[in-house]
Amino acid sequence: MRELTDEAAAIAKELGGATLLRDHGGGFSPLTVQLHKISAENHAGDPLAALAAARTISLKALPSVERRSRALGDIAITGE
């Protein structure tokens, strides 16, 4: 998971900015890759890695309240 997430982050950085995905309704960017990393680290059972990933993003940079609430939910899970 980490290897693939790192690869996705490198691709997103290379593309620069957000790339809209036709059938997804969202974008592909370093920020969205990082959001997925937070969730993946939680599911992999590594809350410290999830928190480390969360510390690298700005919640204000997220495009909607829904995305912020999901990110906060994933961050909160690490405290269980």
N, C-alpha and C. Protein backbone atom coordinates (compact mmCIF):
# COMPACT_ATOMS: atom_id res chain seq x y z
N MET A 1 0.83 -1.18 0.00
CA MET A 1 0.00 0.00 0.00
C MET A 1 0.88 1.24 0.00
N ARG A 2 1.88 1.25 0.84
CA ARG A 2 2.73 2.44 0.92
C ARG A 2 3.51 2.66 -0.38
N GLU A 3 3.96 1.59 -0.96
CA GLU A 3 4.70 1.69 -2.22
C GLU A 3 3.81 2.28 -3.33
N LEU A 4 2.60 1.78 -3.41
CA LEU A 4 1.67 2.28 -4.43
C LEU A 4 1.24 3.72 -4.14
N THR A 5 1.04 4.04 -2.88
CA THR A 5 0.66 5.41 -2.51
C THR A 5 1.79 6.38 -2.84
N ASP A 6 3.02 5.97 -2.56
CA ASP A 6 4.17 6.82 -2.90
C ASP A 6 4.25 7.02 -4.42
N GLU A 7 3.97 5.96 -5.17
CA GLU A 7 3.99 6.06 -6.63
C GLU A 7 2.89 7.02 -7.10
N ALA A 8 1.70 6.90 -6.52
CA ALA A 8 0.60 7.80 -6.88
C ALA A 8 0.94 9.25 -6.54
N ALA A 9 1.59 9.46 -5.39
CA ALA A 9 1.98 10.81 -5.00
C ALA A 9 2.98 11.40 -5.98
N ALA A 10 3.92 10.59 -6.43
CA ALA A 10 4.91 11.06 -7.41
C ALA A 10 4.24 11.42 -8.73
N ILE A 11 3.28 10.61 -9.17
CA ILE A 11 2.57 10.89 -10.42
C ILE A 11 1.75 12.18 -10.27
N ALA A 12 1.06 12.32 -9.15
CA ALA A 12 0.25 13.51 -8.92
C ALA A 12 1.12 14.76 -8.91
N LYS A 13 2.27 14.67 -8.29
CA LYS A 13 3.18 15.82 -8.24
C LYS A 13 3.68 16.17 -9.64
N GLU A 14 4.00 15.14 -10.41
CA GLU A 14 4.49 15.35 -11.77
C GLU A 14 3.43 16.00 -12.66
N LEU A 15 2.16 15.61 -12.47
CA LEU A 15 1.08 16.19 -13.25
C LEU A 15 0.83 17.65 -12.88
N GLY A 16 1.14 18.00 -11.64
CA GLY A 16 0.96 19.37 -11.17
C GLY A 16 -0.51 19.73 -11.02
N GLY A 17 -0.88 20.24 -9.88
CA GLY A 17 -2.27 20.64 -9.66
C GLY A 17 -3.21 19.46 -9.66
N ALA A 18 -4.48 19.75 -9.84
CA ALA A 18 -5.50 18.71 -9.84
C ALA A 18 -5.84 18.29 -11.26
N THR A 19 -5.96 17.01 -11.44
CA THR A 19 -6.38 16.45 -12.73
C THR A 19 -7.78 15.89 -12.54
N LEU A 20 -8.73 16.43 -13.28
CA LEU A 20 -10.11 15.96 -13.15
C LEU A 20 -10.25 14.58 -13.77
N LEU A 21 -11.01 13.74 -13.08
CA LEU A 21 -11.24 12.38 -13.56
C LEU A 21 -12.66 12.29 -14.12
N ARG A 22 -12.78 11.92 -15.35
CA ARG A 22 -14.04 11.96 -16.08
C ARG A 22 -15.18 11.23 -15.37
N ASP A 23 -14.98 10.00 -14.98
CA ASP A 23 -16.06 9.20 -14.41
C ASP A 23 -16.07 9.18 -12.88
N HIS A 24 -15.24 9.97 -12.29
CA HIS A 24 -15.10 9.92 -10.84
C HIS A 24 -15.80 11.07 -10.14
N GLY A 25 -15.90 12.20 -10.81
CA GLY A 25 -16.52 13.37 -10.20
C GLY A 25 -15.57 14.10 -9.27
N GLY A 26 -14.32 13.77 -9.32
CA GLY A 26 -13.35 14.43 -8.46
C GLY A 26 -12.04 14.59 -9.16
N GLY A 27 -11.02 14.84 -8.41
CA GLY A 27 -9.72 15.09 -9.00
C GLY A 27 -8.64 14.19 -8.43
N PHE A 28 -7.52 14.22 -9.11
CA PHE A 28 -6.34 13.47 -8.70
C PHE A 28 -5.24 14.50 -8.48
N SER A 29 -4.79 14.61 -7.25
CA SER A 29 -3.78 15.61 -6.91
C SER A 29 -2.96 15.10 -5.73
N PRO A 30 -1.86 15.75 -5.43
CA PRO A 30 -1.10 15.35 -4.24
C PRO A 30 -1.97 15.37 -2.96
N LEU A 31 -2.89 16.33 -2.89
CA LEU A 31 -3.75 16.41 -1.72
C LEU A 31 -4.68 15.21 -1.61
N THR A 32 -5.30 14.80 -2.72
CA THR A 32 -6.21 13.66 -2.65
C THR A 32 -5.46 12.35 -2.38
N VAL A 33 -4.24 12.25 -2.91
CA VAL A 33 -3.43 11.07 -2.60
C VAL A 33 -3.14 11.03 -1.10
N GLN A 34 -2.82 12.18 -0.52
CA GLN A 34 -2.52 12.23 0.91
C GLN A 34 -3.75 11.87 1.74
N LEU A 35 -4.92 12.30 1.31
CA LEU A 35 -6.16 11.93 2.02
C LEU A 35 -6.36 10.42 2.00
N HIS A 36 -6.09 9.81 0.87
CA HIS A 36 -6.21 8.36 0.78
C HIS A 36 -5.16 7.68 1.65
N LYS A 37 -4.00 8.28 1.76
CA LYS A 37 -2.94 7.70 2.60
C LYS A 37 -3.36 7.69 4.06
N ILE A 38 -3.99 8.75 4.52
CA ILE A 38 -4.47 8.80 5.91
C ILE A 38 -5.41 7.63 6.17
N SER A 39 -6.38 7.47 5.29
CA SER A 39 -7.36 6.39 5.43
C SER A 39 -6.69 5.02 5.35
N ALA A 40 -5.79 4.86 4.40
CA ALA A 40 -5.12 3.56 4.22
C ALA A 40 -4.27 3.20 5.43
N GLU A 41 -3.57 4.17 5.98
CA GLU A 41 -2.75 3.90 7.17
C GLU A 41 -3.63 3.48 8.35
N ASN A 42 -4.78 4.11 8.48
CA ASN A 42 -5.72 3.69 9.53
C ASN A 42 -6.16 2.26 9.32
N HIS A 43 -6.54 1.94 8.10
CA HIS A 43 -7.01 0.58 7.81
C HIS A 43 -5.89 -0.45 7.93
N ALA A 44 -4.65 -0.02 7.72
CA ALA A 44 -3.51 -0.92 7.86
C ALA A 44 -3.12 -1.09 9.33
N GLY A 45 -3.75 -0.32 10.21
CA GLY A 45 -3.48 -0.45 11.64
C GLY A 45 -2.29 0.35 12.13
N ASP A 46 -1.94 1.42 11.43
CA ASP A 46 -0.80 2.24 11.84
C ASP A 46 -1.26 3.68 12.07
N PRO A 47 -1.87 3.95 13.24
CA PRO A 47 -2.39 5.28 13.51
C PRO A 47 -1.32 6.37 13.55
N LEU A 48 -0.12 6.04 13.95
CA LEU A 48 0.95 7.05 13.97
C LEU A 48 1.30 7.49 12.55
N ALA A 49 1.33 6.56 11.62
CA ALA A 49 1.59 6.91 10.22
C ALA A 49 0.42 7.72 9.66
N ALA A 50 -0.80 7.39 10.07
CA ALA A 50 -1.97 8.16 9.63
C ALA A 50 -1.89 9.60 10.13
N LEU A 51 -1.51 9.77 11.38
CA LEU A 51 -1.35 11.13 11.93
C LEU A 51 -0.23 11.89 11.24
N ALA A 52 0.86 11.21 10.95
CA ALA A 52 1.98 11.85 10.24
C ALA A 52 1.51 12.32 8.86
N ALA A 53 0.73 11.50 8.18
CA ALA A 53 0.20 11.89 6.87
C ALA A 53 -0.77 13.06 7.01
N ALA A 54 -1.58 13.04 8.05
CA ALA A 54 -2.57 14.10 8.27
C ALA A 54 -1.90 15.44 8.56
N ARG A 55 -0.77 15.41 9.21
CA ARG A 55 -0.08 16.65 9.55
C ARG A 55 0.47 17.39 8.33
N THR A 56 0.53 16.71 7.21
CA THR A 56 1.10 17.34 6.01
C THR A 56 0.07 18.08 5.18
N ILE A 57 -1.21 17.99 5.54
CA ILE A 57 -2.24 18.67 4.74
C ILE A 57 -2.86 19.81 5.52
N SER A 58 -3.43 20.74 4.78
CA SER A 58 -4.19 21.83 5.38
C SER A 58 -5.67 21.55 5.12
N LEU A 59 -6.44 21.44 6.17
CA LEU A 59 -7.87 21.17 6.01
C LEU A 59 -8.54 22.29 5.21
N LYS A 60 -8.02 23.50 5.33
CA LYS A 60 -8.58 24.63 4.58
C LYS A 60 -8.38 24.46 3.07
N ALA A 61 -7.41 23.65 2.68
CA ALA A 61 -7.15 23.43 1.25
C ALA A 61 -8.14 22.46 0.63
N LEU A 62 -8.90 21.76 1.45
CA LEU A 62 -9.87 20.79 0.92
C LEU A 62 -11.04 21.54 0.30
N PRO A 63 -11.55 21.04 -0.83
CA PRO A 63 -12.51 21.80 -1.63
C PRO A 63 -13.93 21.88 -1.08
N SER A 64 -14.28 21.07 -0.10
CA SER A 64 -15.67 21.10 0.38
C SER A 64 -15.74 20.71 1.85
N VAL A 65 -16.86 21.04 2.45
CA VAL A 65 -17.11 20.67 3.84
C VAL A 65 -17.12 19.15 3.96
N GLU A 66 -17.70 18.48 2.96
CA GLU A 66 -17.77 17.02 2.98
C GLU A 66 -16.37 16.41 3.02
N ARG A 67 -15.46 16.92 2.21
CA ARG A 67 -14.08 16.39 2.20
C ARG A 67 -13.40 16.67 3.53
N ARG A 68 -13.64 17.85 4.09
CA ARG A 68 -13.05 18.17 5.40
C ARG A 68 -13.58 17.24 6.48
N SER A 69 -14.89 16.98 6.44
CA SER A 69 -15.46 16.11 7.48
C SER A 69 -14.94 14.68 7.35
N ARG A 70 -14.76 14.20 6.12
CA ARG A 70 -14.19 12.86 5.94
C ARG A 70 -12.76 12.80 6.46
N ALA A 71 -11.98 13.82 6.15
CA ALA A 71 -10.60 13.86 6.63
C ALA A 71 -10.56 13.90 8.15
N LEU A 72 -11.41 14.73 8.75
CA LEU A 72 -11.45 14.80 10.21
C LEU A 72 -11.89 13.47 10.81
N GLY A 73 -12.83 12.79 10.16
CA GLY A 73 -13.25 11.47 10.63
C GLY A 73 -12.10 10.48 10.61
N ASP A 74 -11.32 10.48 9.53
CA ASP A 74 -10.17 9.58 9.44
C ASP A 74 -9.11 9.93 10.48
N ILE A 75 -8.93 11.22 10.71
CA ILE A 75 -7.96 11.65 11.72
C ILE A 75 -8.43 11.24 13.12
N ALA A 76 -9.74 11.38 13.36
CA ALA A 76 -10.29 11.02 14.68
C ALA A 76 -10.17 9.53 14.96
N ILE A 77 -10.28 8.71 13.92
CA ILE A 77 -10.17 7.26 14.10
C ILE A 77 -8.83 6.88 14.71
N THR A 78 -7.80 7.65 14.41
CA THR A 78 -6.46 7.32 14.91
C THR A 78 -6.39 7.41 16.41
N GLY A 79 -7.34 8.11 17.03
CA GLY A 79 -7.33 8.25 18.47
C GLY A 79 -8.02 7.14 19.22
N GLU A 80 -8.57 6.16 18.51
CA GLU A 80 -9.29 5.07 19.19
C GLU A 80 -8.38 4.26 20.07
